[in-house]
Amino acid sequence: MRDDIKINERAAAIGDRIIEKLETVFDPELGLDVYNLGLIYNLDLDENGVLNVTTTFTEMVCGCIESMPVDLKAALIKLDEVSAVNVEIAWSPRWKMDRISRLGRIALGVSAR
């Protein structure tokens, strides 16, 4: 799991499978998944199986503001441990390119800094 994502113990226990699902949700403009773009800020799985996801966008006028939360819910609800998914949009801290993973930088052809 990325160091820049706040994750509780329950979510961490299935972290690899959460990542697999996050890597299926793409920013259509950049062609990279939300996990490797660094758009996920927080994952919290409660005792009832409700997964609360805090995410952001690369910019406030992103074309996927309506579709990405729906896509996140559809992907993450497929996990057996998850009974519901809530997606919260956060604008602070503001997303920066340094949140893109090494894999994401390679895929986008972006230098490390």
PDB file of N, CA and C in Angstrom:
ATOM      1  N   MET A   1       0.851  -1.178   0.000  1.00  0.00           N
ATOM      2  CA  MET A   1       0.000   0.000   0.000  1.00  0.00           C
ATOM      3  C   MET A   1       0.893   1.237   0.000  1.00  0.00           C
ATOM      4  N   ARG A   2       0.450   2.249  -0.696  1.00  0.00           N
ATOM      5  CA  ARG A   2       1.207   3.500  -0.761  1.00  0.00           C
ATOM      6  C   ARG A   2       1.304   4.148   0.619  1.00  0.00           C
ATOM      7  N   ASP A   3       2.408   4.821   0.866  1.00  0.00           N
ATOM      8  CA  ASP A   3       2.612   5.512   2.144  1.00  0.00           C
ATOM      9  C   ASP A   3       1.739   6.756   2.278  1.00  0.00           C
ATOM     10  N   ASP A   4       1.283   7.304   1.161  1.00  0.00           N
ATOM     11  CA  ASP A   4       0.520   8.551   1.200  1.00  0.00           C
ATOM     12  C   ASP A   4      -0.991   8.334   1.314  1.00  0.00           C
ATOM     13  N   ILE A   5      -1.417   7.088   1.547  1.00  0.00           N
ATOM     14  CA  ILE A   5      -2.828   6.788   1.758  1.00  0.00           C
ATOM     15  C   ILE A   5      -3.040   6.445   3.225  1.00  0.00           C
ATOM     16  N   LYS A   6      -3.973   7.143   3.844  1.00  0.00           N
ATOM     17  CA  LYS A   6      -4.351   6.818   5.219  1.00  0.00           C
ATOM     18  C   LYS A   6      -5.298   5.619   5.147  1.00  0.00           C
ATOM     19  N   ILE A   7      -4.958   4.543   5.860  1.00  0.00           N
ATOM     20  CA  ILE A   7      -5.745   3.317   5.787  1.00  0.00           C
ATOM     21  C   ILE A   7      -5.891   2.707   7.170  1.00  0.00           C
ATOM     22  N   ASN A   8      -7.116   2.298   7.502  1.00  0.00           N
ATOM     23  CA  ASN A   8      -7.296   1.686   8.818  1.00  0.00           C
ATOM     24  C   ASN A   8      -6.957   0.194   8.754  1.00  0.00           C
ATOM     25  N   GLU A   9      -6.932  -0.442   9.911  1.00  0.00           N
ATOM     26  CA  GLU A   9      -6.492  -1.835  10.026  1.00  0.00           C
ATOM     27  C   GLU A   9      -7.352  -2.807   9.212  1.00  0.00           C
ATOM     28  N   ARG A  10      -8.660  -2.629   9.238  1.00  0.00           N
ATOM     29  CA  ARG A  10      -9.549  -3.529   8.491  1.00  0.00           C
ATOM     30  C   ARG A  10      -9.295  -3.440   6.984  1.00  0.00           C
ATOM     31  N   ALA A  11      -9.150  -2.219   6.495  1.00  0.00           N
ATOM     32  CA  ALA A  11      -8.879  -2.034   5.062  1.00  0.00           C
ATOM     33  C   ALA A  11      -7.490  -2.560   4.709  1.00  0.00           C
ATOM     34  N   ALA A  12      -6.521  -2.351   5.594  1.00  0.00           N
ATOM     35  CA  ALA A  12      -5.158  -2.832   5.347  1.00  0.00           C
ATOM     36  C   ALA A  12      -5.116  -4.351   5.227  1.00  0.00           C
ATOM     37  N   ALA A  13      -5.998  -5.034   5.971  1.00  0.00           N
ATOM     38  CA  ALA A  13      -6.016  -6.502   5.939  1.00  0.00           C
ATOM     39  C   ALA A  13      -6.375  -7.046   4.560  1.00  0.00           C
ATOM     40  N   ILE A  14      -7.100  -6.266   3.775  1.00  0.00           N
ATOM     41  CA  ILE A  14      -7.435  -6.690   2.404  1.00  0.00           C
ATOM     42  C   ILE A  14      -6.854  -5.698   1.384  1.00  0.00           C
ATOM     43  N   GLY A  15      -5.809  -5.003   1.806  1.00  0.00           N
ATOM     44  CA  GLY A  15      -5.205  -3.947   1.001  1.00  0.00           C
ATOM     45  C   GLY A  15      -4.821  -4.350  -0.408  1.00  0.00           C
ATOM     46  N   ASP A  16      -4.233  -5.538  -0.572  1.00  0.00           N
ATOM     47  CA  ASP A  16      -3.820  -5.973  -1.912  1.00  0.00           C
ATOM     48  C   ASP A  16      -5.010  -6.100  -2.852  1.00  0.00           C
ATOM     49  N   ARG A  17      -6.113  -6.607  -2.315  1.00  0.00           N
ATOM     50  CA  ARG A  17      -7.303  -6.768  -3.153  1.00  0.00           C
ATOM     51  C   ARG A  17      -7.986  -5.434  -3.418  1.00  0.00           C
ATOM     52  N   ILE A  18      -7.910  -4.511  -2.456  1.00  0.00           N
ATOM     53  CA  ILE A  18      -8.429  -3.161  -2.698  1.00  0.00           C
ATOM     54  C   ILE A  18      -7.630  -2.505  -3.814  1.00  0.00           C
ATOM     55  N   ILE A  19      -6.309  -2.618  -3.755  1.00  0.00           N
ATOM     56  CA  ILE A  19      -5.453  -2.041  -4.794  1.00  0.00           C
ATOM     57  C   ILE A  19      -5.814  -2.612  -6.164  1.00  0.00           C
ATOM     58  N   GLU A  20      -6.012  -3.921  -6.236  1.00  0.00           N
ATOM     59  CA  GLU A  20      -6.387  -4.545  -7.511  1.00  0.00           C
ATOM     60  C   GLU A  20      -7.635  -3.892  -8.088  1.00  0.00           C
ATOM     61  N   LYS A  21      -8.614  -3.615  -7.242  1.00  0.00           N
ATOM     62  CA  LYS A  21      -9.856  -2.980  -7.705  1.00  0.00           C
ATOM     63  C   LYS A  21      -9.626  -1.523  -8.092  1.00  0.00           C
ATOM     64  N   LEU A  22      -8.832  -0.794  -7.291  1.00  0.00           N
ATOM     65  CA  LEU A  22      -8.545   0.602  -7.607  1.00  0.00           C
ATOM     66  C   LEU A  22      -7.811   0.733  -8.937  1.00  0.00           C
ATOM     67  N   GLU A  23      -6.982  -0.260  -9.244  1.00  0.00           N
ATOM     68  CA  GLU A  23      -6.225  -0.221 -10.492  1.00  0.00           C
ATOM     69  C   GLU A  23      -7.093  -0.508 -11.722  1.00  0.00           C
ATOM     70  N   THR A  24      -8.389  -0.773 -11.510  1.00  0.00           N
ATOM     71  CA  THR A  24      -9.305  -0.967 -12.644  1.00  0.00           C
ATOM     72  C   THR A  24     -10.115   0.289 -12.949  1.00  0.00           C
ATOM     73  N   VAL A  25      -9.947   1.330 -12.126  1.00  0.00           N
ATOM     74  CA  VAL A  25     -10.685   2.577 -12.305  1.00  0.00           C
ATOM     75  C   VAL A  25      -9.716   3.621 -12.867  1.00  0.00           C
ATOM     76  N   PHE A  26     -10.019   4.101 -14.073  1.00  0.00           N
ATOM     77  CA  PHE A  26      -9.086   4.964 -14.791  1.00  0.00           C
ATOM     78  C   PHE A  26      -9.586   6.403 -14.904  1.00  0.00           C
ATOM     79  N   ASP A  27      -8.625   7.318 -14.891  1.00  0.00           N
ATOM     80  CA  ASP A  27      -8.886   8.691 -15.279  1.00  0.00           C
ATOM     81  C   ASP A  27      -8.878   8.660 -16.809  1.00  0.00           C
ATOM     82  N   PRO A  28     -10.016   8.895 -17.456  1.00  0.00           N
ATOM     83  CA  PRO A  28     -10.081   8.736 -18.906  1.00  0.00           C
ATOM     84  C   PRO A  28      -9.214   9.725 -19.678  1.00  0.00           C
ATOM     85  N   GLU A  29      -8.944  10.875 -19.102  1.00  0.00           N
ATOM     86  CA  GLU A  29      -8.133  11.869 -19.795  1.00  0.00           C
ATOM     87  C   GLU A  29      -6.652  11.507 -19.780  1.00  0.00           C
ATOM     88  N   LEU A  30      -6.193  10.914 -18.672  1.00  0.00           N
ATOM     89  CA  LEU A  30      -4.776  10.570 -18.547  1.00  0.00           C
ATOM     90  C   LEU A  30      -4.492   9.105 -18.878  1.00  0.00           C
ATOM     91  N   GLY A  31      -5.529   8.262 -18.848  1.00  0.00           N
ATOM     92  CA  GLY A  31      -5.342   6.850 -19.166  1.00  0.00           C
ATOM     93  C   GLY A  31      -4.575   6.079 -18.113  1.00  0.00           C
ATOM     94  N   LEU A  32      -4.630   6.555 -16.876  1.00  0.00           N
ATOM     95  CA  LEU A  32      -3.937   5.892 -15.775  1.00  0.00           C
ATOM     96  C   LEU A  32      -4.938   5.684 -14.645  1.00  0.00           C
ATOM     97  N   ASP A  33      -4.749   4.610 -13.894  1.00  0.00           N
ATOM     98  CA  ASP A  33      -5.690   4.292 -12.825  1.00  0.00           C
ATOM     99  C   ASP A  33      -5.544   5.238 -11.632  1.00  0.00           C
ATOM    100  N   VAL A  34      -6.615   5.315 -10.832  1.00  0.00           N
ATOM    101  CA  VAL A  34      -6.671   6.252  -9.703  1.00  0.00           C
ATOM    102  C   VAL A  34      -5.643   5.948  -8.620  1.00  0.00           C
ATOM    103  N   TYR A  35      -5.296   4.684  -8.465  1.00  0.00           N
ATOM    104  CA  TYR A  35      -4.307   4.309  -7.451  1.00  0.00           C
ATOM    105  C   TYR A  35      -2.926   4.846  -7.826  1.00  0.00           C
ATOM    106  N   ASN A  36      -2.479   4.563  -9.027  1.00  0.00           N
ATOM    107  CA  ASN A  36      -1.143   4.995  -9.447  1.00  0.00           C
ATOM    108  C   ASN A  36      -1.060   6.486  -9.738  1.00  0.00           C
ATOM    109  N   LEU A  37      -2.203   7.119  -9.987  1.00  0.00           N
ATOM    110  CA  LEU A  37      -2.218   8.579 -10.120  1.00  0.00           C
ATOM    111  C   LEU A  37      -2.098   9.263  -8.761  1.00  0.00           C
ATOM    112  N   GLY A  38      -2.366   8.520  -7.693  1.00  0.00           N
ATOM    113  CA  GLY A  38      -2.295   9.110  -6.357  1.00  0.00           C
ATOM    114  C   GLY A  38      -3.549   9.880  -5.983  1.00  0.00           C
ATOM    115  N   LEU A  39      -4.690   9.489  -6.553  1.00  0.00           N
ATOM    116  CA  LEU A  39      -5.935  10.196  -6.286  1.00  0.00           C
ATOM    117  C   LEU A  39      -6.662   9.708  -5.038  1.00  0.00           C
ATOM    118  N   ILE A  40      -6.211   8.599  -4.456  1.00  0.00           N
ATOM    119  CA  ILE A  40      -6.848   8.055  -3.258  1.00  0.00           C
ATOM    120  C   ILE A  40      -6.118   8.577  -2.021  1.00  0.00           C
ATOM    121  N   TYR A  41      -6.857   9.197  -1.115  1.00  0.00           N
ATOM    122  CA  TYR A  41      -6.278   9.761   0.104  1.00  0.00           C
ATOM    123  C   TYR A  41      -6.531   8.907   1.345  1.00  0.00           C
ATOM    124  N   ASN A  42      -7.697   8.249   1.402  1.00  0.00           N
ATOM    125  CA  ASN A  42      -8.071   7.558   2.619  1.00  0.00           C
ATOM    126  C   ASN A  42      -8.945   6.345   2.294  1.00  0.00           C
ATOM    127  N   LEU A  43      -8.696   5.243   3.022  1.00  0.00           N
ATOM    128  CA  LEU A  43      -9.514   4.030   2.923  1.00  0.00           C
ATOM    129  C   LEU A  43      -9.841   3.587   4.337  1.00  0.00           C
ATOM    130  N   ASP A  44     -11.128   3.491   4.642  1.00  0.00           N
ATOM    131  CA  ASP A  44     -11.554   3.123   5.981  1.00  0.00           C
ATOM    132  C   ASP A  44     -12.683   2.099   5.864  1.00  0.00           C
ATOM    133  N   LEU A  45     -12.425   0.887   6.292  1.00  0.00           N
ATOM    134  CA  LEU A  45     -13.414  -0.192   6.260  1.00  0.00           C
ATOM    135  C   LEU A  45     -13.933  -0.388   7.670  1.00  0.00           C
ATOM    136  N   ASP A  46     -15.245  -0.193   7.873  1.00  0.00           N
ATOM    137  CA  ASP A  46     -15.776  -0.336   9.231  1.00  0.00           C
ATOM    138  C   ASP A  46     -16.221  -1.771   9.507  1.00  0.00           C
ATOM    139  N   GLU A  47     -16.671  -2.011  10.750  1.00  0.00           N
ATOM    140  CA  GLU A  47     -17.028  -3.362  11.180  1.00  0.00           C
ATOM    141  C   GLU A  47     -18.251  -3.919  10.455  1.00  0.00           C
ATOM    142  N   ASN A  48     -19.018  -3.055   9.781  1.00  0.00           N
ATOM    143  CA  ASN A  48     -20.184  -3.500   9.026  1.00  0.00           C
ATOM    144  C   ASN A  48     -19.879  -3.731   7.549  1.00  0.00           C
ATOM    145  N   GLY A  49     -18.630  -3.551   7.176  1.00  0.00           N
ATOM    146  CA  GLY A  49     -18.237  -3.748   5.787  1.00  0.00           C
ATOM    147  C   GLY A  49     -18.407  -2.526   4.906  1.00  0.00           C
ATOM    148  N   VAL A  50     -18.635  -1.379   5.518  1.00  0.00           N
ATOM    149  CA  VAL A  50     -18.766  -0.140   4.747  1.00  0.00           C
ATOM    150  C   VAL A  50     -17.365   0.425   4.506  1.00  0.00           C
ATOM    151  N   LEU A  51     -17.014   0.560   3.245  1.00  0.00           N
ATOM    152  CA  LEU A  51     -15.705   1.093   2.863  1.00  0.00           C
ATOM    153  C   LEU A  51     -15.866   2.562   2.505  1.00  0.00           C
ATOM    154  N   ASN A  52     -15.248   3.425   3.292  1.00  0.00           N
ATOM    155  CA  ASN A  52     -15.264   4.864   3.042  1.00  0.00           C
ATOM    156  C   ASN A  52     -13.973   5.231   2.326  1.00  0.00           C
ATOM    157  N   VAL A  53     -14.122   5.829   1.163  1.00  0.00           N
ATOM    158  CA  VAL A  53     -12.995   6.189   0.316  1.00  0.00           C
ATOM    159  C   VAL A  53     -12.962   7.703   0.167  1.00  0.00           C
ATOM    160  N   THR A  54     -11.821   8.296   0.438  1.00  0.00           N
ATOM    161  CA  THR A  54     -11.636   9.718   0.175  1.00  0.00           C
ATOM    162  C   THR A  54     -10.716   9.823  -1.031  1.00  0.00           C
ATOM    163  N   THR A  55     -11.179  10.554  -2.019  1.00  0.00           N
ATOM    164  CA  THR A  55     -10.438  10.686  -3.258  1.00  0.00           C
ATOM    165  C   THR A  55     -10.410  12.145  -3.686  1.00  0.00           C
ATOM    166  N   THR A  56      -9.644  12.433  -4.694  1.00  0.00           N
ATOM    167  CA  THR A  56      -9.571  13.775  -5.260  1.00  0.00           C
ATOM    168  C   THR A  56      -9.455  13.642  -6.769  1.00  0.00           C
ATOM    169  N   PHE A  57      -9.266  14.739  -7.429  1.00  0.00           N
ATOM    170  CA  PHE A  57      -9.098  14.772  -8.876  1.00  0.00           C
ATOM    171  C   PHE A  57      -7.862  15.594  -9.219  1.00  0.00           C
ATOM    172  N   THR A  58      -7.377  15.413 -10.420  1.00  0.00           N
ATOM    173  CA  THR A  58      -6.183  16.153 -10.826  1.00  0.00           C
ATOM    174  C   THR A  58      -6.466  17.642 -10.950  1.00  0.00           C
ATOM    175  N   GLU A  59      -7.725  17.984 -11.254  1.00  0.00           N
ATOM    176  CA  GLU A  59      -8.127  19.387 -11.328  1.00  0.00           C
ATOM    177  C   GLU A  59      -9.627  19.493 -11.101  1.00  0.00           C
ATOM    178  N   MET A  60     -10.086  20.667 -10.747  1.00  0.00           N
ATOM    179  CA  MET A  60     -11.497  20.849 -10.401  1.00  0.00           C
ATOM    180  C   MET A  60     -12.442  20.704 -11.588  1.00  0.00           C
ATOM    181  N   VAL A  61     -11.940  20.813 -12.782  1.00  0.00           N
ATOM    182  CA  VAL A  61     -12.778  20.680 -13.972  1.00  0.00           C
ATOM    183  C   VAL A  61     -12.550  19.348 -14.679  1.00  0.00           C
ATOM    184  N   CYS A  62     -12.098  18.373 -13.943  1.00  0.00           N
ATOM    185  CA  CYS A  62     -11.843  17.042 -14.487  1.00  0.00           C
ATOM    186  C   CYS A  62     -13.127  16.473 -15.097  1.00  0.00           C
ATOM    187  N   GLY A  63     -13.007  15.891 -16.281  1.00  0.00           N
ATOM    188  CA  GLY A  63     -14.156  15.346 -16.978  1.00  0.00           C
ATOM    189  C   GLY A  63     -14.761  14.111 -16.334  1.00  0.00           C
ATOM    190  N   CYS A  64     -14.084  13.533 -15.356  1.00  0.00           N
ATOM    191  CA  CYS A  64     -14.582  12.292 -14.734  1.00  0.00           C
ATOM    192  C   CYS A  64     -15.143  12.517 -13.336  1.00  0.00           C
ATOM    193  N   ILE A  65     -15.455  13.759 -12.981  1.00  0.00           N
ATOM    194  CA  ILE A  65     -15.966  14.053 -11.633  1.00  0.00           C
ATOM    195  C   ILE A  65     -17.263  13.305 -11.358  1.00  0.00           C
ATOM    196  N   GLU A  66     -18.100  13.157 -12.347  1.00  0.00           N
ATOM    197  CA  GLU A  66     -19.367  12.445 -12.158  1.00  0.00           C
ATOM    198  C   GLU A  66     -19.179  10.931 -12.220  1.00  0.00           C
ATOM    199  N   SER A  67     -18.341  10.459 -13.133  1.00  0.00           N
ATOM    200  CA  SER A  67     -18.235   9.012 -13.377  1.00  0.00           C
ATOM    201  C   SER A  67     -17.292   8.284 -12.427  1.00  0.00           C
ATOM    202  N   MET A  68     -16.222   8.923 -11.986  1.00  0.00           N
ATOM    203  CA  MET A  68     -15.243   8.205 -11.179  1.00  0.00           C
ATOM    204  C   MET A  68     -15.802   7.686  -9.852  1.00  0.00           C
ATOM    205  N   PRO A  69     -16.567   8.477  -9.091  1.00  0.00           N
ATOM    206  CA  PRO A  69     -17.131   7.913  -7.855  1.00  0.00           C
ATOM    207  C   PRO A  69     -18.019   6.686  -8.125  1.00  0.00           C
ATOM    208  N   VAL A  70     -18.778   6.727  -9.198  1.00  0.00           N
ATOM    209  CA  VAL A  70     -19.632   5.590  -9.577  1.00  0.00           C
ATOM    210  C   VAL A  70     -18.760   4.383  -9.923  1.00  0.00           C
ATOM    211  N   ASP A  71     -17.694   4.616 -10.677  1.00  0.00           N
ATOM    212  CA  ASP A  71     -16.784   3.533 -11.059  1.00  0.00           C
ATOM    213  C   ASP A  71     -16.067   2.945  -9.836  1.00  0.00           C
ATOM    214  N   LEU A  72     -15.674   3.806  -8.900  1.00  0.00           N
ATOM    215  CA  LEU A  72     -15.034   3.323  -7.667  1.00  0.00           C
ATOM    216  C   LEU A  72     -15.981   2.423  -6.884  1.00  0.00           C
ATOM    217  N   LYS A  73     -17.210   2.862  -6.726  1.00  0.00           N
ATOM    218  CA  LYS A  73     -18.203   2.060  -5.995  1.00  0.00           C
ATOM    219  C   LYS A  73     -18.418   0.716  -6.678  1.00  0.00           C
ATOM    220  N   ALA A  74     -18.564   0.734  -7.993  1.00  0.00           N
ATOM    221  CA  ALA A  74     -18.817  -0.505  -8.738  1.00  0.00           C
ATOM    222  C   ALA A  74     -17.654  -1.483  -8.617  1.00  0.00           C
ATOM    223  N   ALA A  75     -16.425  -0.981  -8.617  1.00  0.00           N
ATOM    224  CA  ALA A  75     -15.252  -1.860  -8.516  1.00  0.00           C
ATOM    225  C   ALA A  75     -15.085  -2.413  -7.106  1.00  0.00           C
ATOM    226  N   LEU A  76     -15.207  -1.555  -6.102  1.00  0.00           N
ATOM    227  CA  LEU A  76     -14.910  -1.951  -4.724  1.00  0.00           C
ATOM    228  C   LEU A  76     -16.004  -2.797  -4.084  1.00  0.00           C
ATOM    229  N   ILE A  77     -17.239  -2.657  -4.520  1.00  0.00           N
ATOM    230  CA  ILE A  77     -18.335  -3.438  -3.946  1.00  0.00           C
ATOM    231  C   ILE A  77     -18.196  -4.917  -4.295  1.00  0.00           C
ATOM    232  N   LYS A  78     -17.369  -5.243  -5.256  1.00  0.00           N
ATOM    233  CA  LYS A  78     -17.149  -6.634  -5.660  1.00  0.00           C
ATOM    234  C   LYS A  78     -16.338  -7.427  -4.629  1.00  0.00           C
ATOM    235  N   LEU A  79     -15.700  -6.726  -3.701  1.00  0.00           N
ATOM    236  CA  LEU A  79     -14.936  -7.406  -2.656  1.00  0.00           C
ATOM    237  C   LEU A  79     -15.892  -8.030  -1.646  1.00  0.00           C
ATOM    238  N   ASP A  80     -15.661  -9.281  -1.290  1.00  0.00           N
ATOM    239  CA  ASP A  80     -16.547 -10.002  -0.369  1.00  0.00           C
ATOM    240  C   ASP A  80     -16.718  -9.292   0.975  1.00  0.00           C
ATOM    241  N   GLU A  81     -15.679  -8.657   1.468  1.00  0.00           N
ATOM    242  CA  GLU A  81     -15.709  -8.008   2.780  1.00  0.00           C
ATOM    243  C   GLU A  81     -16.434  -6.665   2.762  1.00  0.00           C
ATOM    244  N   VAL A  82     -16.769  -6.174   1.582  1.00  0.00           N
ATOM    245  CA  VAL A  82     -17.351  -4.848   1.439  1.00  0.00           C
ATOM    246  C   VAL A  82     -18.851  -4.954   1.159  1.00  0.00           C
ATOM    247  N   SER A  83     -19.647  -4.345   2.047  1.00  0.00           N
ATOM    248  CA  SER A  83     -21.104  -4.365   1.884  1.00  0.00           C
ATOM    249  C   SER A  83     -21.639  -3.086   1.241  1.00  0.00           C
ATOM    250  N   ALA A  84     -20.878  -2.005   1.361  1.00  0.00           N
ATOM    251  CA  ALA A  84     -21.266  -0.721   0.775  1.00  0.00           C
ATOM    252  C   ALA A  84     -20.008   0.126   0.614  1.00  0.00           C
ATOM    253  N   VAL A  85     -20.073   1.072  -0.317  1.00  0.00           N
ATOM    254  CA  VAL A  85     -18.937   1.966  -0.556  1.00  0.00           C
ATOM    255  C   VAL A  85     -19.445   3.410  -0.553  1.00  0.00           C
ATOM    256  N   ASN A  86     -18.807   4.233   0.242  1.00  0.00           N
ATOM    257  CA  ASN A  86     -19.075   5.672   0.244  1.00  0.00           C
ATOM    258  C   ASN A  86     -17.840   6.367  -0.312  1.00  0.00           C
ATOM    259  N   VAL A  87     -18.048   7.288  -1.239  1.00  0.00           N
ATOM    260  CA  VAL A  87     -16.935   8.031  -1.828  1.00  0.00           C
ATOM    261  C   VAL A  87     -17.087   9.496  -1.463  1.00  0.00           C
ATOM    262  N   GLU A  88     -16.050  10.035  -0.844  1.00  0.00           N
ATOM    263  CA  GLU A  88     -16.007  11.451  -0.489  1.00  0.00           C
ATOM    264  C   GLU A  88     -14.941  12.122  -1.345  1.00  0.00           C
ATOM    265  N   ILE A  89     -15.288  13.278  -1.887  1.00  0.00           N
ATOM    266  CA  ILE A  89     -14.340  14.049  -2.691  1.00  0.00           C
ATOM    267  C   ILE A  89     -13.678  15.085  -1.790  1.00  0.00           C
ATOM    268  N   ALA A  90     -12.362  15.116  -1.809  1.00  0.00           N
ATOM    269  CA  ALA A  90     -11.599  16.094  -1.022  1.00  0.00           C
ATOM    270  C   ALA A  90     -10.782  16.962  -1.975  1.00  0.00           C
ATOM    271  N   TRP A  91     -10.755  18.238  -1.693  1.00  0.00           N
ATOM    272  CA  TRP A  91      -9.938  19.149  -2.504  1.00  0.00           C
ATOM    273  C   TRP A  91      -8.703  19.618  -1.744  1.00  0.00           C
ATOM    274  N   SER A  92      -8.585  19.176  -0.507  1.00  0.00           N
ATOM    275  CA  SER A  92      -7.433  19.534   0.287  1.00  0.00           C
ATOM    276  C   SER A  92      -6.945  18.281   1.011  1.00  0.00           C
ATOM    277  N   PRO A  93      -5.684  17.947   0.955  1.00  0.00           N
ATOM    278  CA  PRO A  93      -4.665  18.690   0.228  1.00  0.00           C
ATOM    279  C   PRO A  93      -4.860  18.547  -1.279  1.00  0.00           C
ATOM    280  N   ARG A  94      -4.453  19.559  -1.969  1.00  0.00           N
ATOM    281  CA  ARG A  94      -4.567  19.600  -3.415  1.00  0.00           C
ATOM    282  C   ARG A  94      -3.655  18.535  -4.031  1.00  0.00           C
ATOM    283  N   TRP A  95      -4.164  17.843  -5.054  1.00  0.00           N
ATOM    284  CA  TRP A  95      -3.371  16.833  -5.742  1.00  0.00           C
ATOM    285  C   TRP A  95      -2.192  17.492  -6.447  1.00  0.00           C
ATOM    286  N   LYS A  96      -1.045  16.814  -6.382  1.00  0.00           N
ATOM    287  CA  LYS A  96       0.163  17.284  -7.065  1.00  0.00           C
ATOM    288  C   LYS A  96       0.769  16.116  -7.820  1.00  0.00           C
ATOM    289  N   MET A  97       1.518  16.410  -8.843  1.00  0.00           N
ATOM    290  CA  MET A  97       2.116  15.363  -9.680  1.00  0.00           C
ATOM    291  C   MET A  97       3.043  14.441  -8.903  1.00  0.00           C
ATOM    292  N   ASP A  98       3.587  14.902  -7.795  1.00  0.00           N
ATOM    293  CA  ASP A  98       4.493  14.031  -7.038  1.00  0.00           C
ATOM    294  C   ASP A  98       3.746  12.881  -6.350  1.00  0.00           C
ATOM    295  N   ARG A  99       2.419  12.865  -6.414  1.00  0.00           N
ATOM    296  CA  ARG A  99       1.637  11.748  -5.885  1.00  0.00           C
ATOM    297  C   ARG A  99       1.593  10.574  -6.876  1.00  0.00           C
ATOM    298  N   ILE A 100       1.975  10.803  -8.112  1.00  0.00           N
ATOM    299  CA  ILE A 100       1.973   9.725  -9.103  1.00  0.00           C
ATOM    300  C   ILE A 100       3.042   8.702  -8.723  1.00  0.00           C
ATOM    301  N   SER A 101       2.664   7.428  -8.741  1.00  0.00           N
ATOM    302  CA  SER A 101       3.597   6.356  -8.390  1.00  0.00           C
ATOM    303  C   SER A 101       4.698   6.211  -9.441  1.00  0.00           C
ATOM    304  N   ARG A 102       5.721   5.469  -9.088  1.00  0.00           N
ATOM    305  CA  ARG A 102       6.806   5.190 -10.033  1.00  0.00           C
ATOM    306  C   ARG A 102       6.259   4.513 -11.286  1.00  0.00           C
ATOM    307  N   LEU A 103       5.396   3.516 -11.101  1.00  0.00           N
ATOM    308  CA  LEU A 103       4.766   2.832 -12.226  1.00  0.00           C
ATOM    309  C   LEU A 103       3.966   3.818 -13.079  1.00  0.00           C
ATOM    310  N   GLY A 104       3.232   4.701 -12.419  1.00  0.00           N
ATOM    311  CA  GLY A 104       2.451   5.711 -13.131  1.00  0.00           C
ATOM    312  C   GLY A 104       3.317   6.659 -13.927  1.00  0.00           C
ATOM    313  N   ARG A 105       4.449   7.058 -13.344  1.00  0.00           N
ATOM    314  CA  ARG A 105       5.377   7.957 -14.046  1.00  0.00           C
ATOM    315  C   ARG A 105       5.944   7.291 -15.304  1.00  0.00           C
ATOM    316  N   ILE A 106       6.255   6.016 -15.178  1.00  0.00           N
ATOM    317  CA  ILE A 106       6.764   5.276 -16.335  1.00  0.00           C
ATOM    318  C   ILE A 106       5.694   5.209 -17.418  1.00  0.00           C
ATOM    319  N   ALA A 107       4.465   4.864 -17.020  1.00  0.00           N
ATOM    320  CA  ALA A 107       3.367   4.744 -17.971  1.00  0.00           C
ATOM    321  C   ALA A 107       3.062   6.069 -18.679  1.00  0.00           C
ATOM    322  N   LEU A 108       3.192   7.178 -17.946  1.00  0.00           N
ATOM    323  CA  LEU A 108       2.900   8.482 -18.528  1.00  0.00           C
ATOM    324  C   LEU A 108       4.119   9.133 -19.174  1.00  0.00           C
ATOM    325  N   GLY A 109       5.293   8.543 -18.964  1.00  0.00           N
ATOM    326  CA  GLY A 109       6.511   9.142 -19.496  1.00  0.00           C
ATOM    327  C   GLY A 109       6.896  10.422 -18.781  1.00  0.00           C
ATOM    328  N   VAL A 110       6.623  10.463 -17.469  1.00  0.00           N
ATOM    329  CA  VAL A 110       6.908  11.635 -16.650  1.00  0.00           C
ATOM    330  C   VAL A 110       8.167  11.368 -15.837  1.00  0.00           C
ATOM    331  N   SER A 111       9.035  12.367 -15.749  1.00  0.00           N
ATOM    332  CA  SER A 111      10.255  12.171 -14.960  1.00  0.00           C
ATOM    333  C   SER A 111       9.949  12.192 -13.473  1.00  0.00           C
ATOM    334  N   ALA A 112      10.857  11.671 -12.684  1.00  0.00           N
ATOM    335  CA  ALA A 112      10.689  11.556 -11.228  1.00  0.00           C
ATOM    336  C   ALA A 112      10.605  12.905 -10.540  1.00  0.00           C
ATOM    337  N   ARG A 113      11.057  13.956 -11.096  1.00  0.00           N
ATOM    338  CA  ARG A 113      10.950  15.324 -10.575  1.00  0.00           C
ATOM    339  C   ARG A 113      11.790  16.247 -11.359  1.00  0.00           C
TER     340      ARG A 113
END
